[in-house]
N, C-alpha and C. Protein backbone atom coordinates (compact mmCIF):
# COMPACT_ATOMS: atom_id res chain seq x y z
N UNK A 1 147.78 178.98 141.14
CA UNK A 1 148.62 178.44 140.24
C UNK A 1 148.10 177.69 139.07
N UNK A 2 147.00 176.90 139.59
CA UNK A 2 146.10 176.17 138.58
C UNK A 2 145.52 177.17 137.68
N UNK A 3 144.92 178.39 138.07
CA UNK A 3 144.31 179.28 137.23
C UNK A 3 145.32 179.90 136.29
N UNK A 4 146.65 180.11 136.55
CA UNK A 4 147.53 180.63 135.81
C UNK A 4 147.92 179.68 134.68
N UNK A 5 147.86 178.18 134.94
CA UNK A 5 148.24 177.46 133.99
C UNK A 5 147.17 177.28 132.83
N UNK A 6 145.77 177.36 133.32
CA UNK A 6 144.72 177.31 132.31
C UNK A 6 144.73 178.61 131.47
N UNK A 7 145.23 179.86 131.86
CA UNK A 7 145.37 180.95 130.97
C UNK A 7 146.61 180.94 130.10
N UNK A 8 147.61 180.08 130.33
CA UNK A 8 148.82 180.09 129.56
C UNK A 8 148.49 179.59 128.00
N UNK A 9 149.23 179.93 127.12
CA UNK A 9 149.14 179.41 125.76
C UNK A 9 149.74 177.89 125.74
N UNK A 10 149.30 177.24 124.67
CA UNK A 10 149.79 175.85 124.64
C UNK A 10 151.44 175.64 124.91
N UNK A 11 152.06 176.42 124.29
CA UNK A 11 153.52 176.28 124.50
C UNK A 11 153.97 176.22 125.86
N UNK A 12 153.45 177.29 126.45
CA UNK A 12 153.72 177.44 127.94
C UNK A 12 153.19 176.29 128.75
N UNK A 13 152.00 175.73 128.49
CA UNK A 13 151.61 174.49 129.36
C UNK A 13 152.47 173.29 128.80
N UNK A 14 153.10 173.23 127.65
CA UNK A 14 153.89 172.16 127.33
C UNK A 14 155.13 172.13 128.23
N UNK A 15 155.67 173.43 128.29
CA UNK A 15 156.98 173.87 129.00
C UNK A 15 156.69 173.42 130.43
N UNK A 16 155.55 173.97 131.18
CA UNK A 16 155.33 173.66 132.44
C UNK A 16 154.99 172.06 132.72
N UNK A 17 154.62 171.36 131.96
CA UNK A 17 154.34 169.94 132.08
C UNK A 17 155.88 169.26 132.02
N UNK A 18 156.62 169.59 131.12
CA UNK A 18 157.94 168.92 131.01
C UNK A 18 158.71 169.42 132.35
N UNK A 19 158.75 170.58 132.79
CA UNK A 19 159.37 170.64 133.95
C UNK A 19 158.80 170.22 135.18
N UNK A 20 157.60 170.02 135.20
CA UNK A 20 156.91 169.26 136.38
C UNK A 20 157.40 167.77 136.21
N UNK A 21 157.50 167.04 135.11
CA UNK A 21 158.03 165.72 135.00
C UNK A 21 159.50 165.82 135.46
N UNK A 22 160.29 166.59 135.08
CA UNK A 22 161.76 166.75 135.53
C UNK A 22 161.72 166.87 136.90
N UNK A 23 161.05 167.78 137.56
CA UNK A 23 161.04 168.01 139.00
C UNK A 23 160.84 166.70 139.77
N UNK A 24 159.75 166.08 139.26
CA UNK A 24 159.32 164.90 140.11
C UNK A 24 159.99 163.49 139.76
N UNK A 25 161.13 163.59 138.91
CA UNK A 25 161.72 162.43 138.57
C UNK A 25 161.06 161.43 137.55
N UNK A 26 160.33 161.97 136.72
CA UNK A 26 159.55 160.98 135.78
C UNK A 26 157.98 160.99 135.93
N UNK A 27 157.84 161.37 137.28
CA UNK A 27 156.08 161.38 137.59
C UNK A 27 155.62 160.15 137.40
N UNK A 28 155.84 158.98 138.08
CA UNK A 28 155.41 157.86 137.87
C UNK A 28 153.80 157.69 137.81
N UNK A 29 153.33 158.61 138.55
CA UNK A 29 151.70 158.51 138.75
C UNK A 29 151.06 159.20 137.33
N UNK A 30 151.80 159.79 136.54
CA UNK A 30 151.39 160.06 135.19
C UNK A 30 151.71 159.17 134.09
N UNK A 31 152.31 158.03 134.31
CA UNK A 31 152.61 157.05 133.28
C UNK A 31 151.13 156.46 133.21
N UNK A 32 151.05 155.92 131.87
CA UNK A 32 149.76 155.21 131.37
C UNK A 32 149.90 153.83 132.17
N UNK A 33 148.68 153.22 132.35
CA UNK A 33 148.42 152.05 133.10
C UNK A 33 148.91 150.79 132.22
N UNK A 34 149.12 151.04 131.04
CA UNK A 34 149.60 149.95 130.08
C UNK A 34 151.21 149.66 130.36
N UNK A 35 151.74 150.63 130.96
CA UNK A 35 153.19 150.33 131.16
C UNK A 35 153.37 149.16 132.25
N UNK A 36 152.32 148.90 132.90
CA UNK A 36 152.44 147.93 134.09
C UNK A 36 151.83 146.43 133.53
N UNK A 37 151.29 146.47 132.34
CA UNK A 37 150.81 145.23 131.84
C UNK A 37 152.00 144.42 131.25
N UNK A 38 151.62 143.21 131.11
CA UNK A 38 152.60 142.21 130.45
C UNK A 38 152.32 142.32 128.89
N UNK A 39 153.30 141.81 128.15
CA UNK A 39 153.15 141.68 126.73
C UNK A 39 151.90 141.05 126.39
N UNK A 40 151.73 140.06 126.75
CA UNK A 40 150.31 139.29 126.42
C UNK A 40 149.10 140.15 126.85
N UNK A 41 148.98 140.74 127.63
CA UNK A 41 147.78 141.50 128.08
C UNK A 41 147.95 142.89 127.28
N UNK A 42 149.03 143.50 127.12
CA UNK A 42 148.97 144.79 126.40
C UNK A 42 148.73 144.46 124.94
N UNK A 43 149.10 143.50 124.27
CA UNK A 43 148.88 143.17 122.86
C UNK A 43 147.55 142.49 122.67
N UNK A 44 146.98 142.11 123.64
CA UNK A 44 145.67 141.41 123.43
C UNK A 44 145.82 140.01 122.96
N UNK A 45 147.06 139.33 123.20
CA UNK A 45 147.37 138.13 122.53
C UNK A 45 146.39 136.90 123.01
N UNK A 46 146.10 137.08 124.40
CA UNK A 46 145.08 135.99 124.89
C UNK A 46 143.73 136.00 124.33
N UNK A 47 143.34 137.28 123.91
CA UNK A 47 141.99 137.48 123.22
C UNK A 47 142.20 136.75 121.72
N UNK A 48 143.24 137.18 121.02
CA UNK A 48 143.58 136.74 119.74
C UNK A 48 143.63 135.12 119.76
N UNK A 49 144.24 134.64 120.74
CA UNK A 49 144.38 133.23 120.85
C UNK A 49 143.09 132.56 120.78
N UNK A 50 142.18 132.98 121.83
CA UNK A 50 140.78 132.40 121.97
C UNK A 50 140.09 132.59 120.62
N UNK A 51 140.14 133.62 119.84
CA UNK A 51 139.40 133.91 118.56
C UNK A 51 139.93 132.87 117.65
N UNK A 52 141.22 132.80 117.48
CA UNK A 52 141.95 131.83 116.42
C UNK A 52 141.44 130.35 116.86
N UNK A 53 141.50 130.08 118.06
CA UNK A 53 141.04 128.68 118.37
C UNK A 53 139.48 128.53 118.07
N UNK A 54 138.77 129.47 118.31
CA UNK A 54 137.27 129.24 117.97
C UNK A 54 137.11 129.24 116.41
N UNK A 55 137.88 130.12 115.61
CA UNK A 55 137.73 129.96 114.20
C UNK A 55 138.22 128.79 113.67
N UNK A 56 139.28 128.13 114.27
CA UNK A 56 139.99 126.73 113.91
C UNK A 56 139.03 125.80 114.27
N UNK A 57 138.24 125.71 115.20
CA UNK A 57 137.15 124.76 115.65
C UNK A 57 136.20 124.76 114.61
N UNK A 58 135.54 125.94 114.18
CA UNK A 58 134.43 126.25 113.42
C UNK A 58 134.87 125.68 111.99
N UNK A 59 135.94 125.93 111.67
CA UNK A 59 136.51 125.38 110.34
C UNK A 59 136.61 123.75 110.33
N UNK A 60 137.16 123.37 111.29
CA UNK A 60 137.17 122.00 111.30
C UNK A 60 135.96 121.28 111.34
N UNK A 61 134.89 121.77 112.04
CA UNK A 61 133.65 121.27 112.13
C UNK A 61 132.92 121.24 110.68
N UNK A 62 133.11 122.25 110.08
CA UNK A 62 132.41 122.58 108.78
C UNK A 62 133.13 121.53 107.74
N UNK A 63 134.37 121.51 107.81
CA UNK A 63 135.05 120.73 106.98
C UNK A 63 134.61 118.97 107.38
N UNK A 64 134.43 118.82 108.59
CA UNK A 64 134.04 117.33 108.79
C UNK A 64 132.57 117.15 108.39
N UNK A 65 131.73 118.15 108.52
CA UNK A 65 130.21 118.11 108.10
C UNK A 65 130.43 117.87 106.57
N UNK A 66 131.16 118.66 105.88
CA UNK A 66 131.01 118.67 104.31
C UNK A 66 131.64 117.34 103.91
N UNK A 67 132.52 116.72 104.57
CA UNK A 67 133.23 115.44 104.23
C UNK A 67 132.17 114.44 104.34
N UNK A 68 131.39 114.34 105.58
CA UNK A 68 130.30 113.54 105.83
C UNK A 68 129.42 113.64 104.73
N UNK A 69 128.89 114.68 104.38
CA UNK A 69 127.69 114.86 103.32
C UNK A 69 128.24 114.55 102.14
N UNK A 70 129.30 114.66 101.56
CA UNK A 70 129.84 114.49 100.20
C UNK A 70 130.12 112.84 100.25
N UNK A 71 130.54 112.33 101.14
CA UNK A 71 130.96 111.00 101.22
C UNK A 71 129.70 110.20 101.07
N UNK A 72 128.55 110.57 101.79
CA UNK A 72 127.32 109.91 101.66
C UNK A 72 126.52 110.07 100.33
N UNK A 73 126.69 111.39 99.76
CA UNK A 73 126.10 111.61 98.61
C UNK A 73 126.76 111.12 97.32
N UNK A 74 128.02 111.15 97.26
CA UNK A 74 128.74 110.73 96.14
C UNK A 74 129.54 109.16 96.39
N UNK A 75 128.95 108.50 97.20
CA UNK A 75 129.29 107.15 97.48
C UNK A 75 129.15 106.32 96.27
N UNK A 76 130.13 105.44 95.76
CA UNK A 76 129.88 104.77 94.66
C UNK A 76 128.92 103.65 95.00
N UNK A 77 127.97 103.38 93.98
CA UNK A 77 127.04 102.38 94.28
C UNK A 77 127.69 101.06 93.89
N UNK A 78 127.17 99.97 94.61
CA UNK A 78 127.70 98.78 94.20
C UNK A 78 126.86 98.16 93.25
N UNK A 79 127.45 97.52 92.35
CA UNK A 79 126.79 97.08 91.16
C UNK A 79 126.11 95.68 91.62
N UNK A 80 124.78 95.65 91.31
CA UNK A 80 124.15 94.20 91.56
C UNK A 80 124.58 93.24 90.59
N UNK A 81 125.21 93.62 89.40
CA UNK A 81 125.62 92.85 88.29
C UNK A 81 126.60 91.78 88.95
N UNK A 82 127.62 92.19 89.52
CA UNK A 82 128.55 91.31 90.26
C UNK A 82 127.89 90.50 91.18
N UNK A 83 127.14 90.92 91.99
CA UNK A 83 126.40 90.16 93.05
C UNK A 83 125.60 89.04 92.40
N UNK A 84 124.94 89.31 91.21
CA UNK A 84 124.18 88.15 90.54
C UNK A 84 125.09 87.15 90.03
N UNK A 85 126.37 87.50 89.45
CA UNK A 85 127.32 86.63 88.89
C UNK A 85 127.68 85.63 90.02
N UNK A 86 127.91 86.09 91.15
CA UNK A 86 128.53 85.24 92.22
C UNK A 86 127.37 84.25 92.69
N UNK A 87 126.19 84.65 92.73
CA UNK A 87 125.30 83.87 93.19
C UNK A 87 124.95 82.65 92.20
N UNK A 88 124.98 82.86 90.74
CA UNK A 88 124.70 81.96 89.71
C UNK A 88 125.99 80.91 89.78
């Protein structure tokens, strides 16, 4: 029987596959494994969440670093002129 299926044209193979599924009431063993996964696993949301968290952390650290660098670089200098006036 297997040899006969291999020699059949594609349309006959399709008809045989459909009849097989009908005979075996849906043939659960032919269903893809993704049917048994949860939505989170199937869509890869757990991986996307970890990547998003990583990207947000990196962005936050870069922002804090730039804020620290710019605040120390562009810090307004205290004038010694006022200090001298208070002393006199």
